[in-house]
Structure formats: structure tokens, C-alpha cells
């Protein structure tokens, strides 16, 4: 359910874009993201900083796209978001010596500090890669090619999350009380 909710705005954007063009697609993306965040808020009783930043950027860049009738704004929004995420993670890690991933997920995942550090570096690299590839497609390809990239480019985050999950699974600490009793059976 949560995964479907994550992809809903981009799928609706793509459909509206293909049927009615970039400006209707942008308006649909803005509305779908507001609804998405409302549902997340009802389910979780809060929005994360990332949810708030994503919503703000979509609304600001979407409004600029619609008001100025300039599609470049909505096309560059992912690059701005990914770059901001990479900078925030890097500054927190290397300037303030704080690990945002551990702060956000440490209560849910018990991992050694070295693993948290490597995960954060992987996220920084991933965000920079996604910022660069979106920027390249936005700058050098047509809006139609960019929209197709937005839909089919979701293979990158899916592959990254699967890879991250496999890496994390190898390093999860055993939960207390999970050992088998003497004799090997329960």
C-alpha cells in the first residue's frame, strides 16, 4: 500500500502529461502530492522533514511552472531536491558529525555505527547521481523524453533501495531473546 502511495503522484502526472500536456500534468502532480501527504499524515499522524521538503518543492516549482508557463521549473525540481538532500546529509555527517539516517531510523534498525556511516555515504552518492542524471535529461532532452525518464527512471531508486536492503540485512544485530534455547528447538 505504502509503495503504491509513493508512486501515485508520478503515475498520475505521467498520465495527465501524456493526455493533456506538461501544464495539466504539473497541476495534477501538485494536487496528487497534496492528497498523498494528507493520506500519509492521516496514517502516520506526522510528516517527515523529507515529506515536507518534497511537498514544498513540488508546490513552489509547480506554481512557478504554471504561473510563468515555463516547464523548466518542474523539470529541475528533482535536481534541486536531490542536491539539497545530498548537501544536508554531507554537512550533517562531516561538519556536525551527526548521522541523519541513524537519527531517523536508528530506533527501527540496530546497526553498527560503521554501517550507518557507509549507508549515509551511499545515500549522498545516490542523491548526487540522481541530481546529475535528472539535470542532464532536463537540460539536453525534450520534455517528452524527460517525462518518460521520470516514469521509467524509477528503476534507479528501486534498485538502490533493494541493494540497500540487502546490505542492511547482512549487518542487522540479532534481537535479544531471539537465540534458540539449549537443544536447538523451540
C-alpha atoms as a PDB file:
ATOM      1  CA  UNK A   1       0.000   0.000   0.000  1.00  0.00           C
ATOM      2  CA  UNK A   2       2.756   2.432   1.032  1.00  0.00           C
ATOM      3  CA  UNK A   3       4.766   1.710  -2.132  1.00  0.00           C
ATOM      4  CA  UNK A   4       1.700   2.359  -4.295  1.00  0.00           C
ATOM      5  CA  UNK A   5       1.124   5.610  -2.442  1.00  0.00           C
ATOM      6  CA  UNK A   6       4.732   6.661  -3.119  1.00  0.00           C
ATOM      7  CA  UNK A   7       4.384   6.154  -6.878  1.00  0.00           C
ATOM      8  CA  UNK A   8       0.847   7.521  -7.262  1.00  0.00           C
ATOM      9  CA  UNK A   9       1.720  11.211  -7.934  1.00  0.00           C
ATOM     10  CA  UNK A  10       4.277  10.378 -10.636  1.00  0.00           C
ATOM     11  CA  UNK A  11       1.923   7.912 -12.356  1.00  0.00           C
ATOM     12  CA  UNK A  12      -0.907  10.471 -12.308  1.00  0.00           C
ATOM     13  CA  UNK A  13       1.492  13.172 -13.556  1.00  0.00           C
ATOM     14  CA  UNK A  14       2.621  10.944 -16.411  1.00  0.00           C
ATOM     15  CA  UNK A  15      -0.951  10.092 -17.432  1.00  0.00           C
ATOM     16  CA  UNK A  16      -2.085  13.715 -17.316  1.00  0.00           C
ATOM     17  CA  UNK A  17       1.052  14.825 -19.167  1.00  0.00           C
ATOM     18  CA  UNK A  18       0.501  12.279 -21.955  1.00  0.00           C
ATOM     19  CA  UNK A  19      -3.165  13.229 -22.312  1.00  0.00           C
ATOM     20  CA  UNK A  20      -3.105  16.990 -21.749  1.00  0.00           C
ATOM     21  CA  UNK A  21       0.480  18.275 -21.669  1.00  0.00           C
ATOM     22  CA  UNK A  22       3.013  19.496 -19.148  1.00  0.00           C
ATOM     23  CA  UNK A  23       0.901  22.199 -17.506  1.00  0.00           C
ATOM     24  CA  UNK A  24      -2.075  19.971 -16.723  1.00  0.00           C
ATOM     25  CA  UNK A  25       0.389  17.261 -15.689  1.00  0.00           C
ATOM     26  CA  UNK A  26       2.079  19.718 -13.324  1.00  0.00           C
ATOM     27  CA  UNK A  27      -1.258  20.730 -11.765  1.00  0.00           C
ATOM     28  CA  UNK A  28      -2.180  17.054 -11.334  1.00  0.00           C
ATOM     29  CA  UNK A  29       1.215  16.357  -9.752  1.00  0.00           C
ATOM     30  CA  UNK A  30       0.697  19.209  -7.292  1.00  0.00           C
ATOM     31  CA  UNK A  31      -2.803  18.058  -6.349  1.00  0.00           C
ATOM     32  CA  UNK A  32      -1.816  14.380  -6.129  1.00  0.00           C
ATOM     33  CA  UNK A  33       1.135  15.226  -3.874  1.00  0.00           C
ATOM     34  CA  UNK A  34      -1.092  17.247  -1.541  1.00  0.00           C
ATOM     35  CA  UNK A  35      -3.512  14.300  -1.354  1.00  0.00           C
ATOM     36  CA  UNK A  36      -0.613  11.860  -0.897  1.00  0.00           C
ATOM     37  CA  UNK A  37       0.789  13.892   2.001  1.00  0.00           C
ATOM     38  CA  UNK A  38      -2.682  14.141   3.531  1.00  0.00           C
ATOM     39  CA  UNK A  39      -3.031  10.357   3.455  1.00  0.00           C
ATOM     40  CA  UNK A  40       0.454   9.904   4.914  1.00  0.00           C
ATOM     41  CA  UNK A  41      -0.428  12.368   7.663  1.00  0.00           C
ATOM     42  CA  UNK A  42      -3.640  10.509   8.488  1.00  0.00           C
ATOM     43  CA  UNK A  43      -1.797   7.160   8.595  1.00  0.00           C
ATOM     44  CA  UNK A  44       1.385   8.262  10.425  1.00  0.00           C
ATOM     45  CA  UNK A  45      -0.002  11.283  12.331  1.00  0.00           C
ATOM     46  CA  UNK A  46       3.004  13.279  11.074  1.00  0.00           C
ATOM     47  CA  UNK A  47       5.011  14.233   8.000  1.00  0.00           C
ATOM     48  CA  UNK A  48       8.762  13.742   7.951  1.00  0.00           C
ATOM     49  CA  UNK A  49      11.105  16.557   7.011  1.00  0.00           C
ATOM     50  CA  UNK A  50      11.570  14.840   3.654  1.00  0.00           C
ATOM     51  CA  UNK A  51       7.820  14.765   3.052  1.00  0.00           C
ATOM     52  CA  UNK A  52       7.555  18.461   3.887  1.00  0.00           C
ATOM     53  CA  UNK A  53      10.508  19.380   1.657  1.00  0.00           C
ATOM     54  CA  UNK A  54       9.144  17.344  -1.241  1.00  0.00           C
ATOM     55  CA  UNK A  55       5.694  18.905  -0.890  1.00  0.00           C
ATOM     56  CA  UNK A  56       7.137  22.424  -0.651  1.00  0.00           C
ATOM     57  CA  UNK A  57       9.371  21.971  -3.694  1.00  0.00           C
ATOM     58  CA  UNK A  58       6.580  20.466  -5.795  1.00  0.00           C
ATOM     59  CA  UNK A  59       4.216  23.283  -4.867  1.00  0.00           C
ATOM     60  CA  UNK A  60       6.806  26.044  -5.403  1.00  0.00           C
ATOM     61  CA  UNK A  61       8.303  24.689  -8.627  1.00  0.00           C
ATOM     62  CA  UNK A  62       4.868  23.642  -9.875  1.00  0.00           C
ATOM     63  CA  UNK A  63       3.436  27.098  -9.191  1.00  0.00           C
ATOM     64  CA  UNK A  64       6.376  28.717 -10.988  1.00  0.00           C
ATOM     65  CA  UNK A  65       5.863  26.354 -13.924  1.00  0.00           C
ATOM     66  CA  UNK A  66       2.173  27.214 -14.161  1.00  0.00           C
ATOM     67  CA  UNK A  67       2.415  30.929 -13.408  1.00  0.00           C
ATOM     68  CA  UNK A  68       5.347  31.583 -15.766  1.00  0.00           C
ATOM     69  CA  UNK A  69       4.261  28.928 -18.307  1.00  0.00           C
ATOM     70  CA  UNK A  70       7.839  27.617 -18.231  1.00  0.00           C
ATOM     71  CA  UNK A  71       8.273  23.845 -17.968  1.00  0.00           C
ATOM     72  CA  UNK A  72      11.919  24.151 -16.924  1.00  0.00           C
ATOM     73  CA  UNK A  73      10.921  24.737 -13.309  1.00  0.00           C
ATOM     74  CA  UNK A  74       9.115  21.418 -12.829  1.00  0.00           C
ATOM     75  CA  UNK A  75      11.829  19.586 -14.755  1.00  0.00           C
ATOM     76  CA  UNK A  76      14.575  20.910 -12.453  1.00  0.00           C
ATOM     77  CA  UNK A  77      12.701  20.262  -9.180  1.00  0.00           C
ATOM     78  CA  UNK A  78      14.126  16.724  -8.720  1.00  0.00           C
ATOM     79  CA  UNK A  79      17.663  18.002  -9.248  1.00  0.00           C
ATOM     80  CA  UNK A  80      17.166  20.659  -6.579  1.00  0.00           C
ATOM     81  CA  UNK A  81      15.614  18.147  -4.165  1.00  0.00           C
ATOM     82  CA  UNK A  82      18.316  15.502  -4.605  1.00  0.00           C
ATOM     83  CA  UNK A  83      21.102  18.077  -4.362  1.00  0.00           C
ATOM     84  CA  UNK A  84      19.614  19.511  -1.169  1.00  0.00           C
ATOM     85  CA  UNK A  85      19.347  16.011   0.313  1.00  0.00           C
ATOM     86  CA  UNK A  86      22.973  15.229  -0.536  1.00  0.00           C
ATOM     87  CA  UNK A  87      24.165  18.517   0.947  1.00  0.00           C
ATOM     88  CA  UNK A  88      22.107  18.051   4.123  1.00  0.00           C
ATOM     89  CA  UNK A  89      23.404  14.514   4.660  1.00  0.00           C
ATOM     90  CA  UNK A  90      27.014  15.515   3.908  1.00  0.00           C
ATOM     91  CA  UNK A  91      27.008  18.610   6.124  1.00  0.00           C
ATOM     92  CA  UNK A  92      25.380  16.717   8.978  1.00  0.00           C
ATOM     93  CA  UNK A  93      27.908  13.877   8.677  1.00  0.00           C
ATOM     94  CA  UNK A  94      31.143  15.736   8.026  1.00  0.00           C
ATOM     95  CA  UNK A  95      30.559  19.142   9.618  1.00  0.00           C
ATOM     96  CA  UNK A  96      28.266  18.429  12.573  1.00  0.00           C
ATOM     97  CA  UNK A  97      29.333  14.772  12.999  1.00  0.00           C
ATOM     98  CA  UNK A  98      25.700  13.676  13.054  1.00  0.00           C
ATOM     99  CA  UNK A  99      24.262  10.828  11.066  1.00  0.00           C
ATOM    100  CA  UNK A 100      20.765  11.784   9.901  1.00  0.00           C
ATOM    101  CA  UNK A 101      19.969   8.266   8.713  1.00  0.00           C
ATOM    102  CA  UNK A 102      20.812   6.826  12.122  1.00  0.00           C
ATOM    103  CA  UNK A 103      18.864   9.611  13.835  1.00  0.00           C
ATOM    104  CA  UNK A 104      15.797   8.886  11.700  1.00  0.00           C
ATOM    105  CA  UNK A 105      15.976   5.092  11.534  1.00  0.00           C
ATOM    106  CA  UNK A 106      18.145   4.058  14.478  1.00  0.00           C
ATOM    107  CA  UNK A 107      15.165   3.228  16.658  1.00  0.00           C
ATOM    108  CA  UNK A 108      13.901   0.837  13.958  1.00  0.00           C
ATOM    109  CA  UNK A 109      17.210  -0.713  12.847  1.00  0.00           C
ATOM    110  CA  UNK A 110      20.034  -1.845  15.104  1.00  0.00           C
ATOM    111  CA  UNK A 111      23.192  -1.421  13.031  1.00  0.00           C
ATOM    112  CA  UNK A 112      26.857  -0.782  13.866  1.00  0.00           C
ATOM    113  CA  UNK A 113      27.999   2.837  13.521  1.00  0.00           C
ATOM    114  CA  UNK A 114      30.277   1.941  10.596  1.00  0.00           C
ATOM    115  CA  UNK A 115      27.303   0.590   8.660  1.00  0.00           C
ATOM    116  CA  UNK A 116      25.317   3.760   9.335  1.00  0.00           C
ATOM    117  CA  UNK A 117      28.296   5.780   8.087  1.00  0.00           C
ATOM    118  CA  UNK A 118      28.592   3.748   4.865  1.00  0.00           C
ATOM    119  CA  UNK A 119      24.819   3.936   4.310  1.00  0.00           C
ATOM    120  CA  UNK A 120      24.916   7.714   4.632  1.00  0.00           C
ATOM    121  CA  UNK A 121      27.790   7.946   2.159  1.00  0.00           C
ATOM    122  CA  UNK A 122      25.845   5.676  -0.208  1.00  0.00           C
ATOM    123  CA  UNK A 123      22.801   7.961   0.124  1.00  0.00           C
ATOM    124  CA  UNK A 124      24.932  11.030  -0.582  1.00  0.00           C
ATOM    125  CA  UNK A 125      26.322   9.368  -3.709  1.00  0.00           C
ATOM    126  CA  UNK A 126      22.884   8.172  -4.790  1.00  0.00           C
ATOM    127  CA  UNK A 127      21.366  11.645  -4.358  1.00  0.00           C
ATOM    128  CA  UNK A 128      24.204  13.266  -6.327  1.00  0.00           C
ATOM    129  CA  UNK A 129      23.803  10.652  -9.078  1.00  0.00           C
ATOM    130  CA  UNK A 130      20.044  11.224  -9.269  1.00  0.00           C
ATOM    131  CA  UNK A 131      20.512  15.018  -9.260  1.00  0.00           C
ATOM    132  CA  UNK A 132      23.054  14.784 -12.069  1.00  0.00           C
ATOM    133  CA  UNK A 133      21.074  12.383 -14.242  1.00  0.00           C
ATOM    134  CA  UNK A 134      17.842  14.373 -13.861  1.00  0.00           C
ATOM    135  CA  UNK A 135      19.722  17.603 -14.591  1.00  0.00           C
ATOM    136  CA  UNK A 136      21.265  16.070 -17.692  1.00  0.00           C
ATOM    137  CA  UNK A 137      17.936  14.768 -19.014  1.00  0.00           C
ATOM    138  CA  UNK A 138      16.162  18.052 -18.156  1.00  0.00           C
ATOM    139  CA  UNK A 139      18.831  20.121 -19.915  1.00  0.00           C
ATOM    140  CA  UNK A 140      19.543  18.070 -23.014  1.00  0.00           C
ATOM    141  CA  UNK A 141      16.381  16.164 -23.838  1.00  0.00           C
ATOM    142  CA  UNK A 142      12.836  17.082 -24.785  1.00  0.00           C
ATOM    143  CA  UNK A 143      10.101  17.397 -22.197  1.00  0.00           C
ATOM    144  CA  UNK A 144       8.589  14.180 -23.548  1.00  0.00           C
ATOM    145  CA  UNK A 145      11.880  12.327 -23.025  1.00  0.00           C
ATOM    146  CA  UNK A 146      12.174  13.834 -19.530  1.00  0.00           C
ATOM    147  CA  UNK A 147       8.618  12.719 -18.627  1.00  0.00           C
ATOM    148  CA  UNK A 148       9.398   9.201 -19.852  1.00  0.00           C
ATOM    149  CA  UNK A 149      12.599   9.266 -17.803  1.00  0.00           C
ATOM    150  CA  UNK A 150      10.611  10.303 -14.710  1.00  0.00           C
ATOM    151  CA  UNK A 151       8.360   7.272 -15.127  1.00  0.00           C
ATOM    152  CA  UNK A 152      10.886   4.644 -16.195  1.00  0.00           C
ATOM    153  CA  UNK A 153      13.728   6.199 -14.204  1.00  0.00           C
ATOM    154  CA  UNK A 154      12.123   4.807 -11.073  1.00  0.00           C
ATOM    155  CA  UNK A 155      14.259   1.747 -11.711  1.00  0.00           C
ATOM    156  CA  UNK A 156      17.142   3.681 -10.083  1.00  0.00           C
ATOM    157  CA  UNK A 157      15.514   4.247  -6.682  1.00  0.00           C
ATOM    158  CA  UNK A 158      14.004   0.755  -6.669  1.00  0.00           C
ATOM    159  CA  UNK A 159      17.413  -0.812  -7.425  1.00  0.00           C
ATOM    160  CA  UNK A 160      19.100   1.395  -4.812  1.00  0.00           C
ATOM    161  CA  UNK A 161      16.556   0.521  -2.121  1.00  0.00           C
ATOM    162  CA  UNK A 162      16.800  -3.204  -2.883  1.00  0.00           C
ATOM    163  CA  UNK A 163      20.604  -3.016  -2.773  1.00  0.00           C
ATOM    164  CA  UNK A 164      20.468  -1.057   0.459  1.00  0.00           C
ATOM    165  CA  UNK A 165      18.078  -3.604   1.957  1.00  0.00           C
ATOM    166  CA  UNK A 166      20.388  -6.477   1.039  1.00  0.00           C
ATOM    167  CA  UNK A 167      23.357  -4.632   2.551  1.00  0.00           C
ATOM    168  CA  UNK A 168      21.490  -3.755   5.743  1.00  0.00           C
ATOM    169  CA  UNK A 169      20.169  -7.317   6.155  1.00  0.00           C
ATOM    170  CA  UNK A 170      23.739  -8.628   6.396  1.00  0.00           C
ATOM    171  CA  UNK A 171      24.504  -6.263   9.266  1.00  0.00           C
ATOM    172  CA  UNK A 172      21.381  -6.369  11.408  1.00  0.00           C
ATOM    173  CA  UNK A 173      22.227  -7.181  15.002  1.00  0.00           C
ATOM    174  CA  UNK A 174      20.350 -10.103  16.489  1.00  0.00           C
ATOM    175  CA  UNK A 175      17.497  -9.079  18.715  1.00  0.00           C
ATOM    176  CA  UNK A 176      17.832 -10.077  22.376  1.00  0.00           C
ATOM    177  CA  UNK A 177      15.886 -13.219  23.198  1.00  0.00           C
ATOM    178  CA  UNK A 178      15.985 -14.418  19.587  1.00  0.00           C
ATOM    179  CA  UNK A 179      18.513 -17.176  20.354  1.00  0.00           C
ATOM    180  CA  UNK A 180      17.372 -20.753  20.326  1.00  0.00           C
ATOM    181  CA  UNK A 181      17.174 -22.441  23.716  1.00  0.00           C
ATOM    182  CA  UNK A 182      19.667 -25.203  24.565  1.00  0.00           C
ATOM    183  CA  UNK A 183      18.862 -28.228  22.426  1.00  0.00           C
ATOM    184  CA  UNK A 184      18.242 -26.099  19.303  1.00  0.00           C
ATOM    185  CA  UNK A 185      14.435 -26.157  19.049  1.00  0.00           C
ATOM    186  CA  UNK A 186      11.549 -24.175  20.393  1.00  0.00           C
END
